[in-house]
N, C-alpha and C. Protein backbone atom coordinates (compact mmCIF):
# COMPACT_ATOMS: atom_id res chain seq x y z
N MET A 1 0.73 -0.98 0.15
CA MET A 1 0.10 0.18 0.38
C MET A 1 0.86 1.36 -0.10
N LYS A 2 2.07 1.61 0.51
CA LYS A 2 2.96 2.19 0.79
C LYS A 2 3.70 2.62 -0.85
N THR A 3 3.93 1.80 -1.53
CA THR A 3 4.10 1.66 -3.26
C THR A 3 3.18 2.56 -3.98
N ILE A 4 1.70 2.25 -3.52
CA ILE A 4 1.01 2.84 -4.16
C ILE A 4 0.93 4.08 -3.84
N ARG A 5 0.81 4.51 -2.57
CA ARG A 5 0.85 6.17 -2.34
C ARG A 5 2.09 6.95 -2.48
N HIS A 6 3.31 6.44 -2.83
CA HIS A 6 4.22 7.10 -3.13
C HIS A 6 4.29 7.23 -4.75
N LEU A 7 3.80 6.19 -5.55
CA LEU A 7 3.24 6.43 -7.15
C LEU A 7 2.41 7.43 -7.16
N LYS A 8 1.17 7.26 -6.15
CA LYS A 8 0.28 8.53 -6.60
C LYS A 8 0.75 9.81 -6.19
N ALA A 9 1.59 9.61 -5.34
CA ALA A 9 2.22 11.16 -5.22
C ALA A 9 3.15 12.02 -6.28
N GLN A 10 3.77 10.87 -6.63
CA GLN A 10 4.87 11.00 -8.03
C GLN A 10 3.90 11.40 -8.95
N LYS A 11 2.66 10.77 -8.98
CA LYS A 11 2.20 11.17 -10.44
C LYS A 11 1.81 12.61 -10.09
N ALA A 12 1.08 13.13 -8.68
CA ALA A 12 0.19 14.36 -8.97
C ALA A 12 1.46 15.49 -9.06
N ARG A 13 2.89 15.02 -8.70
CA ARG A 13 3.73 16.55 -8.67
C ARG A 13 3.62 16.29 -10.31
N LEU A 14 3.81 15.00 -11.09
CA LEU A 14 4.31 15.46 -12.15
C LEU A 14 2.89 15.83 -13.45
N LYS A 15 1.99 15.53 -12.51
CA LYS A 15 0.99 16.72 -13.62
C LYS A 15 0.76 18.27 -12.77
N ALA A 16 1.23 18.66 -11.75
CA ALA A 16 1.26 19.84 -11.27
C ALA A 16 2.58 20.22 -12.09
N ILE A 17 3.61 19.52 -12.62
CA ILE A 17 4.47 20.39 -13.44
C ILE A 17 3.96 20.25 -14.67
N MET A 18 3.69 19.45 -15.28
CA MET A 18 2.91 19.65 -17.08
C MET A 18 1.94 20.90 -16.88
N GLN A 19 1.04 20.93 -15.56
CA GLN A 19 0.32 21.77 -15.77
C GLN A 19 0.65 23.54 -16.07
N ARG A 20 1.84 23.14 -15.55
CA ARG A 20 2.61 24.73 -15.56
C ARG A 20 3.59 24.87 -16.69
N MET A 21 3.55 23.49 -17.19
CA MET A 21 4.49 23.90 -18.95
C MET A 21 3.33 24.08 -19.97
N ASP A 22 4.19 24.96 -20.91
CA ASP A 22 3.43 25.33 -22.10
C ASP A 22 3.18 23.86 -22.74
N SER A 23 1.68 23.39 -22.72
CA SER A 23 1.23 22.23 -23.37
C SER A 23 1.32 22.41 -24.72
N GLU A 24 1.68 23.44 -25.51
CA GLU A 24 1.50 23.85 -26.78
C GLU A 24 2.73 23.92 -27.68
N ALA A 25 3.77 24.04 -26.25
CA ALA A 25 5.04 24.25 -26.94
C ALA A 25 5.46 23.18 -28.29
N SER A 26 6.24 23.25 -28.90
CA SER A 26 6.63 22.86 -30.05
C SER A 26 7.70 21.22 -29.75
N PHE A 27 7.67 19.94 -29.80
CA PHE A 27 8.16 19.18 -29.40
C PHE A 27 9.93 18.98 -30.04
N ASP A 28 10.43 20.10 -30.43
CA ASP A 28 11.74 20.52 -31.23
C ASP A 28 12.38 21.50 -29.99
N SER A 29 11.44 22.43 -29.28
CA SER A 29 11.94 22.94 -28.24
C SER A 29 12.13 22.07 -26.80
N GLU A 30 13.11 22.63 -25.80
CA GLU A 30 13.55 22.12 -24.63
C GLU A 30 11.93 21.84 -23.95
N ASP A 31 11.15 23.09 -23.84
CA ASP A 31 9.85 22.48 -23.13
C ASP A 31 9.03 21.45 -23.44
N GLY A 32 8.73 21.37 -24.92
CA GLY A 32 8.65 20.23 -25.27
C GLY A 32 8.90 19.10 -25.36
N ARG A 33 10.51 18.58 -25.14
CA ARG A 33 10.99 17.47 -24.51
C ARG A 33 10.38 17.32 -23.27
N ARG A 34 10.75 18.14 -22.47
CA ARG A 34 10.29 18.26 -21.03
C ARG A 34 8.88 17.47 -20.75
N TYR A 35 8.06 18.38 -21.81
CA TYR A 35 6.36 18.00 -21.70
C TYR A 35 6.36 16.07 -21.73
N ALA A 36 7.14 15.99 -22.75
CA ALA A 36 6.90 14.69 -23.41
C ALA A 36 7.49 13.64 -22.45
N GLN A 37 8.78 13.79 -21.84
CA GLN A 37 8.91 13.12 -20.52
C GLN A 37 8.51 12.59 -19.42
N ALA A 38 7.65 14.02 -19.05
CA ALA A 38 6.96 14.06 -17.98
C ALA A 38 5.73 13.22 -18.28
N LEU A 39 5.19 13.21 -19.67
CA LEU A 39 4.07 12.40 -20.04
C LEU A 39 4.51 10.83 -20.07
N VAL A 40 5.82 10.66 -20.49
CA VAL A 40 6.23 9.13 -20.72
C VAL A 40 5.91 8.54 -18.98
N LYS A 41 6.58 9.48 -17.90
CA LYS A 41 6.49 9.06 -16.51
C LYS A 41 5.13 8.88 -15.85
N LEU A 42 4.49 9.61 -16.57
CA LEU A 42 3.14 9.60 -15.83
C LEU A 42 2.34 8.39 -16.34
N VAL A 43 2.90 7.79 -17.64
CA VAL A 43 2.15 6.70 -18.32
C VAL A 43 2.69 5.46 -17.40
N LEU A 44 4.05 5.59 -17.21
CA LEU A 44 5.06 4.25 -16.73
C LEU A 44 4.15 4.50 -15.06
N ILE A 45 3.97 5.52 -14.44
CA ILE A 45 3.50 5.33 -13.03
C ILE A 45 2.40 4.89 -12.97
N ASN A 46 1.10 5.02 -13.75
CA ASN A 46 -0.26 4.76 -13.93
C ASN A 46 -0.58 3.38 -14.34
N MET A 47 0.85 2.53 -15.00
CA MET A 47 1.02 1.22 -15.22
C MET A 47 1.67 0.21 -13.85
N GLN A 48 2.81 1.30 -12.80
CA GLN A 48 3.18 0.13 -11.78
C GLN A 48 1.92 0.05 -10.79
N ILE A 49 1.12 1.03 -10.69
CA ILE A 49 -0.27 1.12 -9.94
C ILE A 49 -1.07 0.26 -10.22
N GLU A 50 -1.51 0.06 -11.63
CA GLU A 50 -2.20 -1.26 -12.12
C GLU A 50 -1.57 -2.24 -11.38
N GLU A 51 -0.31 -2.32 -11.55
CA GLU A 51 0.60 -3.40 -11.25
C GLU A 51 0.23 -4.22 -10.51
N THR A 52 1.00 -2.90 -9.53
CA THR A 52 0.92 -3.28 -7.89
C THR A 52 -0.41 -3.59 -7.70
N LYS A 53 -1.80 -2.97 -7.97
CA LYS A 53 -3.02 -3.40 -7.58
C LYS A 53 -3.73 -4.77 -7.97
N LYS A 54 -3.23 -5.23 -8.75
CA LYS A 54 -3.09 -6.52 -9.39
C LYS A 54 -2.65 -7.77 -8.66
N GLU A 55 -1.43 -7.65 -8.46
CA GLU A 55 -0.40 -8.26 -7.54
C GLU A 55 -1.21 -8.22 -6.10
N ALA A 56 -1.67 -7.15 -5.60
CA ALA A 56 -2.22 -7.46 -4.38
C ALA A 56 -3.63 -8.15 -3.92
N ALA A 57 -4.29 -8.20 -5.47
CA ALA A 57 -5.85 -8.50 -5.44
C ALA A 57 -5.35 -10.07 -5.69
N ARG A 58 -4.20 -10.60 -6.47
CA ARG A 58 -3.83 -11.90 -6.49
C ARG A 58 -3.85 -12.70 -5.11
N LYS A 59 -3.06 -11.97 -3.76
CA LYS A 59 -3.07 -12.42 -2.81
C LYS A 59 -4.21 -12.72 -1.87
């Protein structure tokens, strides 16, 4: 359960960062690359949360 809380906290931080970024920035710019990296991290965190919940449900 502690892992899920940690992942959700990371998710919230990344969402806050993304909201501060200009979402319409070109991906050729530094801001665009950071936005894309944050988006990828969010997807990975969501996948980890889902996997952790599935493992907990199996037990």
